[in-house]
Amino acid sequence: MEREESKTAINIDASNNIDASNSDIYPFPNEIEKKLFYKITGELRCSVCQNQTLAESNAPLAVDLCQEIYRQVRAQYTEEKIVEFVVNRYGDFVLYRPPLTVGTTVLWFGPFVVLTLALVLMIRQFRK
């Protein structure tokens, strides 16, 4: 009889819930820690992949970060402290909803400025 390898499958459904069908990689003593881990790793962006969450990514950096987040969850760190640790290390980019700061103002308002300038230029061009 062949030995089957254990793999963790992470599925994200339409309501943004994360379900781990096999918790062998990250065993938790209770559901609260498990939900916190998957909530955090499902809300932080992988800085290597950029379009995937830490939970979705297989990049070595994402795997390392998941291990660190697992360690911090098991050590009873709060969600805020864990997210603060990751942001301090990798910047606001890892947040899918970065805060409005001087550094992120361009990210928040840049597209609107470019769109407004494009509309003004189009209107001026059509008037000629």
N, C-alpha and C. Protein backbone atom coordinates (compact mmCIF):
# COMPACT_ATOMS: atom_id res chain seq x y z
N MET A 1 0.84 -1.18 0.00
CA MET A 1 0.00 0.00 0.00
C MET A 1 0.88 1.24 0.00
N GLU A 2 0.63 2.14 -0.95
CA GLU A 2 1.44 3.35 -1.04
C GLU A 2 0.99 4.37 -0.01
N ARG A 3 1.96 5.10 0.46
CA ARG A 3 1.68 6.14 1.44
C ARG A 3 1.28 7.42 0.69
N GLU A 4 0.13 7.97 1.01
CA GLU A 4 -0.33 9.20 0.37
C GLU A 4 0.27 10.40 1.08
N GLU A 5 0.66 11.38 0.26
CA GLU A 5 1.19 12.59 0.85
C GLU A 5 0.05 13.47 1.32
N SER A 6 0.25 14.11 2.45
CA SER A 6 -0.76 15.00 2.99
C SER A 6 -0.54 16.40 2.44
N LYS A 7 -1.59 16.96 1.90
CA LYS A 7 -1.51 18.31 1.36
C LYS A 7 -2.63 19.15 1.94
N THR A 8 -2.36 20.41 2.13
CA THR A 8 -3.38 21.31 2.63
C THR A 8 -4.02 22.02 1.45
N ALA A 9 -5.30 21.89 1.33
CA ALA A 9 -6.03 22.58 0.27
C ALA A 9 -6.74 23.76 0.89
N ILE A 10 -6.53 24.91 0.32
CA ILE A 10 -7.16 26.12 0.81
C ILE A 10 -8.09 26.63 -0.28
N ASN A 11 -9.36 26.71 0.03
CA ASN A 11 -10.34 27.18 -0.93
C ASN A 11 -10.96 28.47 -0.43
N ILE A 12 -11.05 29.45 -1.32
CA ILE A 12 -11.68 30.71 -0.97
C ILE A 12 -12.98 30.78 -1.73
N ASP A 13 -14.09 30.83 -1.01
CA ASP A 13 -15.38 30.88 -1.68
C ASP A 13 -15.80 32.33 -1.90
N ALA A 14 -16.97 32.52 -2.51
CA ALA A 14 -17.43 33.86 -2.89
C ALA A 14 -17.61 34.77 -1.69
N SER A 15 -17.89 34.24 -0.51
CA SER A 15 -18.07 35.09 0.66
C SER A 15 -16.76 35.38 1.36
N ASN A 16 -15.64 35.01 0.72
CA ASN A 16 -14.30 35.30 1.24
C ASN A 16 -13.98 34.50 2.50
N ASN A 17 -14.62 33.35 2.68
CA ASN A 17 -14.28 32.47 3.79
C ASN A 17 -13.20 31.51 3.34
N ILE A 18 -12.27 31.23 4.21
CA ILE A 18 -11.19 30.32 3.87
C ILE A 18 -11.41 29.02 4.64
N ASP A 19 -11.33 27.91 3.92
CA ASP A 19 -11.56 26.61 4.52
C ASP A 19 -10.33 25.75 4.31
N ALA A 20 -9.74 25.29 5.37
CA ALA A 20 -8.60 24.38 5.25
C ALA A 20 -9.14 22.97 5.42
N SER A 21 -9.06 22.18 4.36
CA SER A 21 -9.62 20.83 4.42
C SER A 21 -8.68 19.86 5.14
N ASN A 22 -7.41 20.22 5.27
CA ASN A 22 -6.47 19.35 5.97
C ASN A 22 -5.47 20.23 6.70
N SER A 23 -5.48 20.20 8.02
CA SER A 23 -4.65 21.10 8.82
C SER A 23 -3.35 20.48 9.28
N ASP A 24 -2.82 19.51 8.54
CA ASP A 24 -1.60 18.85 8.97
C ASP A 24 -0.39 19.78 9.01
N ILE A 25 -0.34 20.74 8.08
CA ILE A 25 0.81 21.63 8.02
C ILE A 25 0.81 22.60 9.20
N TYR A 26 -0.36 23.15 9.50
CA TYR A 26 -0.48 24.11 10.61
C TYR A 26 -1.54 23.59 11.58
N PRO A 27 -1.15 22.71 12.50
CA PRO A 27 -2.13 22.20 13.46
C PRO A 27 -2.42 23.23 14.56
N PHE A 28 -3.69 23.38 14.88
CA PHE A 28 -4.11 24.33 15.91
C PHE A 28 -4.88 23.60 17.00
N PRO A 29 -4.73 24.03 18.25
CA PRO A 29 -5.45 23.37 19.34
C PRO A 29 -6.92 23.77 19.40
N ASN A 30 -7.27 24.88 18.72
CA ASN A 30 -8.67 25.32 18.77
C ASN A 30 -9.04 26.07 17.49
N GLU A 31 -10.33 26.23 17.28
CA GLU A 31 -10.84 26.89 16.07
C GLU A 31 -10.52 28.38 16.05
N ILE A 32 -10.43 29.02 17.19
CA ILE A 32 -10.16 30.46 17.24
C ILE A 32 -8.81 30.77 16.62
N GLU A 33 -7.77 30.05 17.02
CA GLU A 33 -6.44 30.27 16.46
C GLU A 33 -6.41 29.92 14.98
N LYS A 34 -7.07 28.84 14.61
CA LYS A 34 -7.10 28.42 13.22
C LYS A 34 -7.76 29.49 12.34
N LYS A 35 -8.89 30.01 12.79
CA LYS A 35 -9.60 31.05 12.02
C LYS A 35 -8.76 32.32 11.94
N LEU A 36 -8.10 32.70 13.03
CA LEU A 36 -7.27 33.89 13.03
C LEU A 36 -6.13 33.74 12.03
N PHE A 37 -5.46 32.58 12.03
CA PHE A 37 -4.36 32.33 11.10
C PHE A 37 -4.83 32.47 9.65
N TYR A 38 -5.92 31.79 9.32
CA TYR A 38 -6.39 31.82 7.93
C TYR A 38 -7.00 33.17 7.56
N LYS A 39 -7.51 33.91 8.53
CA LYS A 39 -8.01 35.26 8.27
C LYS A 39 -6.84 36.18 7.90
N ILE A 40 -5.78 36.13 8.69
CA ILE A 40 -4.62 37.00 8.44
C ILE A 40 -3.93 36.63 7.13
N THR A 41 -3.65 35.35 6.93
CA THR A 41 -2.95 34.94 5.70
C THR A 41 -3.83 35.12 4.46
N GLY A 42 -5.14 35.19 4.65
CA GLY A 42 -6.04 35.43 3.53
C GLY A 42 -6.24 36.89 3.21
N GLU A 43 -5.80 37.78 4.11
CA GLU A 43 -5.98 39.22 3.90
C GLU A 43 -4.68 39.95 3.57
N LEU A 44 -3.55 39.28 3.68
CA LEU A 44 -2.27 39.93 3.37
C LEU A 44 -1.77 39.47 2.01
N ARG A 45 -1.25 40.41 1.24
CA ARG A 45 -0.75 40.14 -0.11
C ARG A 45 0.67 39.57 -0.05
N CYS A 46 0.93 38.62 -0.92
CA CYS A 46 2.29 38.10 -1.07
C CYS A 46 3.09 39.15 -1.84
N SER A 47 4.18 39.61 -1.28
CA SER A 47 4.96 40.67 -1.94
C SER A 47 5.76 40.14 -3.13
N VAL A 48 5.84 38.83 -3.30
CA VAL A 48 6.50 38.25 -4.46
C VAL A 48 5.49 38.09 -5.60
N CYS A 49 4.36 37.47 -5.29
CA CYS A 49 3.34 37.18 -6.31
C CYS A 49 2.51 38.41 -6.65
N GLN A 50 2.23 39.25 -5.71
CA GLN A 50 1.52 40.50 -5.81
C GLN A 50 0.03 40.37 -6.10
N ASN A 51 -0.43 39.32 -6.74
CA ASN A 51 -1.85 39.15 -6.97
C ASN A 51 -2.42 37.99 -6.18
N GLN A 52 -1.66 37.48 -5.24
CA GLN A 52 -2.12 36.38 -4.41
C GLN A 52 -1.96 36.74 -2.94
N THR A 53 -2.82 36.14 -2.14
CA THR A 53 -2.67 36.30 -0.70
C THR A 53 -1.56 35.36 -0.22
N LEU A 54 -1.15 35.53 1.02
CA LEU A 54 -0.16 34.63 1.58
C LEU A 54 -0.69 33.19 1.60
N ALA A 55 -1.99 33.05 1.86
CA ALA A 55 -2.59 31.72 1.91
C ALA A 55 -2.58 31.04 0.54
N GLU A 56 -2.69 31.80 -0.52
CA GLU A 56 -2.75 31.25 -1.88
C GLU A 56 -1.38 30.99 -2.48
N SER A 57 -0.37 31.70 -2.02
CA SER A 57 0.94 31.67 -2.64
C SER A 57 1.81 30.51 -2.17
N ASN A 58 2.60 29.99 -3.11
CA ASN A 58 3.58 28.96 -2.78
C ASN A 58 5.01 29.51 -2.84
N ALA A 59 5.15 30.81 -2.98
CA ALA A 59 6.48 31.43 -3.04
C ALA A 59 7.20 31.20 -1.70
N PRO A 60 8.50 31.00 -1.74
CA PRO A 60 9.25 30.76 -0.50
C PRO A 60 9.03 31.85 0.56
N LEU A 61 8.94 33.10 0.13
CA LEU A 61 8.72 34.19 1.09
C LEU A 61 7.35 34.04 1.76
N ALA A 62 6.34 33.69 0.98
CA ALA A 62 4.99 33.51 1.53
C ALA A 62 4.96 32.35 2.51
N VAL A 63 5.64 31.27 2.17
CA VAL A 63 5.71 30.11 3.07
C VAL A 63 6.39 30.51 4.38
N ASP A 64 7.49 31.25 4.30
CA ASP A 64 8.19 31.71 5.51
C ASP A 64 7.30 32.62 6.35
N LEU A 65 6.58 33.53 5.68
CA LEU A 65 5.70 34.44 6.41
C LEU A 65 4.55 33.68 7.07
N CYS A 66 4.00 32.70 6.37
CA CYS A 66 2.94 31.89 6.97
C CYS A 66 3.45 31.17 8.20
N GLN A 67 4.68 30.67 8.15
CA GLN A 67 5.26 30.00 9.31
C GLN A 67 5.44 30.98 10.47
N GLU A 68 5.86 32.20 10.16
CA GLU A 68 6.03 33.21 11.21
C GLU A 68 4.67 33.62 11.78
N ILE A 69 3.69 33.79 10.92
CA ILE A 69 2.35 34.14 11.41
C ILE A 69 1.80 33.00 12.27
N TYR A 70 2.02 31.77 11.85
CA TYR A 70 1.60 30.61 12.64
C TYR A 70 2.25 30.66 14.02
N ARG A 71 3.56 30.92 14.05
CA ARG A 71 4.27 31.00 15.33
C ARG A 71 3.67 32.08 16.22
N GLN A 72 3.37 33.25 15.64
CA GLN A 72 2.83 34.35 16.42
C GLN A 72 1.40 34.07 16.90
N VAL A 73 0.60 33.43 16.05
CA VAL A 73 -0.76 33.06 16.47
C VAL A 73 -0.68 32.08 17.64
N ARG A 74 0.19 31.10 17.55
CA ARG A 74 0.35 30.12 18.62
C ARG A 74 0.89 30.76 19.90
N ALA A 75 1.64 31.87 19.75
CA ALA A 75 2.18 32.58 20.92
C ALA A 75 1.17 33.59 21.47
N GLN A 76 -0.05 33.56 20.94
CA GLN A 76 -1.15 34.39 21.43
C GLN A 76 -1.01 35.88 21.10
N TYR A 77 -0.30 36.21 20.01
CA TYR A 77 -0.23 37.60 19.57
C TYR A 77 -1.60 37.99 19.03
N THR A 78 -1.93 39.27 19.16
CA THR A 78 -3.21 39.74 18.62
C THR A 78 -3.10 39.91 17.10
N GLU A 79 -4.24 39.96 16.45
CA GLU A 79 -4.26 40.17 15.00
C GLU A 79 -3.55 41.48 14.64
N GLU A 80 -3.80 42.52 15.42
CA GLU A 80 -3.19 43.82 15.14
C GLU A 80 -1.67 43.75 15.23
N LYS A 81 -1.15 43.06 16.23
CA LYS A 81 0.30 42.94 16.40
C LYS A 81 0.94 42.14 15.26
N ILE A 82 0.25 41.10 14.81
CA ILE A 82 0.79 40.28 13.73
C ILE A 82 0.81 41.07 12.43
N VAL A 83 -0.30 41.76 12.12
CA VAL A 83 -0.36 42.57 10.90
C VAL A 83 0.66 43.70 10.98
N GLU A 84 0.79 44.32 12.14
CA GLU A 84 1.79 45.38 12.33
C GLU A 84 3.20 44.86 12.06
N PHE A 85 3.51 43.66 12.52
CA PHE A 85 4.82 43.04 12.28
C PHE A 85 5.08 42.91 10.77
N VAL A 86 4.11 42.39 10.04
CA VAL A 86 4.28 42.17 8.60
C VAL A 86 4.39 43.50 7.87
N VAL A 87 3.56 44.47 8.23
CA VAL A 87 3.61 45.79 7.59
C VAL A 87 4.92 46.49 7.88
N ASN A 88 5.40 46.41 9.11
CA ASN A 88 6.69 47.03 9.46
C ASN A 88 7.83 46.42 8.65
N ARG A 89 7.70 45.15 8.34
CA ARG A 89 8.75 44.44 7.61
C ARG A 89 8.66 44.67 6.10
N TYR A 90 7.44 44.70 5.55
CA TYR A 90 7.28 44.74 4.09
C TYR A 90 6.52 45.96 3.57
N GLY A 91 6.05 46.83 4.45
CA GLY A 91 5.38 48.04 4.03
C GLY A 91 3.89 47.86 3.81
N ASP A 92 3.21 48.98 3.54
CA ASP A 92 1.77 48.98 3.35
C ASP A 92 1.33 48.19 2.12
N PHE A 93 2.27 47.88 1.24
CA PHE A 93 1.94 47.15 0.01
C PHE A 93 1.29 45.80 0.30
N VAL A 94 1.64 45.17 1.41
CA VAL A 94 1.09 43.85 1.72
C VAL A 94 -0.38 43.91 2.13
N LEU A 95 -0.87 45.12 2.41
CA LEU A 95 -2.27 45.29 2.76
C LEU A 95 -3.09 45.48 1.49
N TYR A 96 -4.20 44.75 1.36
CA TYR A 96 -5.07 44.95 0.20
C TYR A 96 -5.83 46.26 0.32
N ARG A 97 -5.98 46.77 1.53
CA ARG A 97 -6.61 48.07 1.77
C ARG A 97 -5.65 48.95 2.56
N PRO A 98 -4.63 49.53 1.88
CA PRO A 98 -3.64 50.33 2.61
C PRO A 98 -4.29 51.59 3.21
N PRO A 99 -3.78 52.05 4.34
CA PRO A 99 -4.33 53.25 4.97
C PRO A 99 -4.00 54.49 4.14
N LEU A 100 -4.80 55.53 4.30
CA LEU A 100 -4.54 56.79 3.61
C LEU A 100 -3.47 57.55 4.38
N THR A 101 -2.27 57.59 3.82
CA THR A 101 -1.15 58.32 4.40
C THR A 101 -0.51 59.16 3.31
N VAL A 102 0.47 59.95 3.67
CA VAL A 102 1.17 60.75 2.68
C VAL A 102 1.78 59.86 1.60
N GLY A 103 2.33 58.74 2.01
CA GLY A 103 2.97 57.82 1.07
C GLY A 103 2.00 57.09 0.15
N THR A 104 0.76 56.89 0.60
CA THR A 104 -0.20 56.16 -0.23
C THR A 104 -1.21 57.07 -0.93
N THR A 105 -1.05 58.38 -0.79
CA THR A 105 -1.98 59.32 -1.42
C THR A 105 -2.01 59.13 -2.93
N VAL A 106 -0.87 58.91 -3.53
CA VAL A 106 -0.81 58.71 -4.99
C VAL A 106 -1.58 57.46 -5.37
N LEU A 107 -1.47 56.40 -4.57
CA LEU A 107 -2.20 55.17 -4.86
C LEU A 107 -3.71 55.39 -4.80
N TRP A 108 -4.15 56.16 -3.83
CA TRP A 108 -5.58 56.38 -3.65
C TRP A 108 -6.15 57.37 -4.67
N PHE A 109 -5.44 58.46 -4.94
CA PHE A 109 -6.00 59.52 -5.77
C PHE A 109 -5.38 59.63 -7.15
N GLY A 110 -4.26 58.98 -7.39
CA GLY A 110 -3.59 59.03 -8.68
C GLY A 110 -4.48 58.68 -9.86
N PRO A 111 -5.21 57.58 -9.81
CA PRO A 111 -6.07 57.22 -10.94
C PRO A 111 -7.12 58.29 -11.25
N PHE A 112 -7.68 58.93 -10.22
CA PHE A 112 -8.67 59.96 -10.44
C PHE A 112 -8.06 61.21 -11.08
N VAL A 113 -6.85 61.56 -10.67
CA VAL A 113 -6.15 62.70 -11.25
C VAL A 113 -5.85 62.44 -12.72
N VAL A 114 -5.35 61.25 -13.02
CA VAL A 114 -5.03 60.90 -14.42
C VAL A 114 -6.31 60.91 -15.26
N LEU A 115 -7.39 60.35 -14.74
CA LEU A 115 -8.66 60.33 -15.47
C LEU A 115 -9.18 61.75 -15.72
N THR A 116 -9.10 62.60 -14.72
CA THR A 116 -9.54 63.99 -14.87
C THR A 116 -8.71 64.72 -15.91
N LEU A 117 -7.40 64.55 -15.86
CA LEU A 117 -6.53 65.18 -16.86
C LEU A 117 -6.84 64.67 -18.26
N ALA A 118 -7.08 63.38 -18.40
CA ALA A 118 -7.42 62.81 -19.71
C ALA A 118 -8.73 63.38 -20.23
N LEU A 119 -9.71 63.52 -19.35
CA LEU A 119 -11.00 64.10 -19.77
C LEU A 119 -10.85 65.56 -20.19
N VAL A 120 -10.08 66.33 -19.43
CA VAL A 120 -9.85 67.74 -19.77
C VAL A 120 -9.16 67.85 -21.12
N LEU A 121 -8.16 67.03 -21.36
CA LEU A 121 -7.45 67.05 -22.65
C LEU A 121 -8.36 66.63 -23.80
N MET A 122 -9.22 65.64 -23.57
CA MET A 122 -10.16 65.23 -24.61
C MET A 122 -11.15 66.33 -24.94
N ILE A 123 -11.68 66.98 -23.92
CA ILE A 123 -12.64 68.07 -24.14
C ILE A 123 -11.98 69.21 -24.90
N ARG A 124 -10.77 69.58 -24.54
CA ARG A 124 -10.04 70.65 -25.24
C ARG A 124 -9.77 70.26 -26.69
N GLN A 125 -9.47 69.00 -26.91
CA GLN A 125 -9.18 68.53 -28.28
C GLN A 125 -10.44 68.57 -29.14
N PHE A 126 -11.57 68.18 -28.59
CA PHE A 126 -12.82 68.18 -29.35
C PHE A 126 -13.33 69.60 -29.63
N ARG A 127 -13.00 70.56 -28.82
CA ARG A 127 -13.45 71.95 -29.01
C ARG A 127 -12.71 72.63 -30.15
N LYS A 128 -11.55 72.13 -30.51
CA LYS A 128 -10.75 72.77 -31.55
C LYS A 128 -11.30 72.51 -32.89
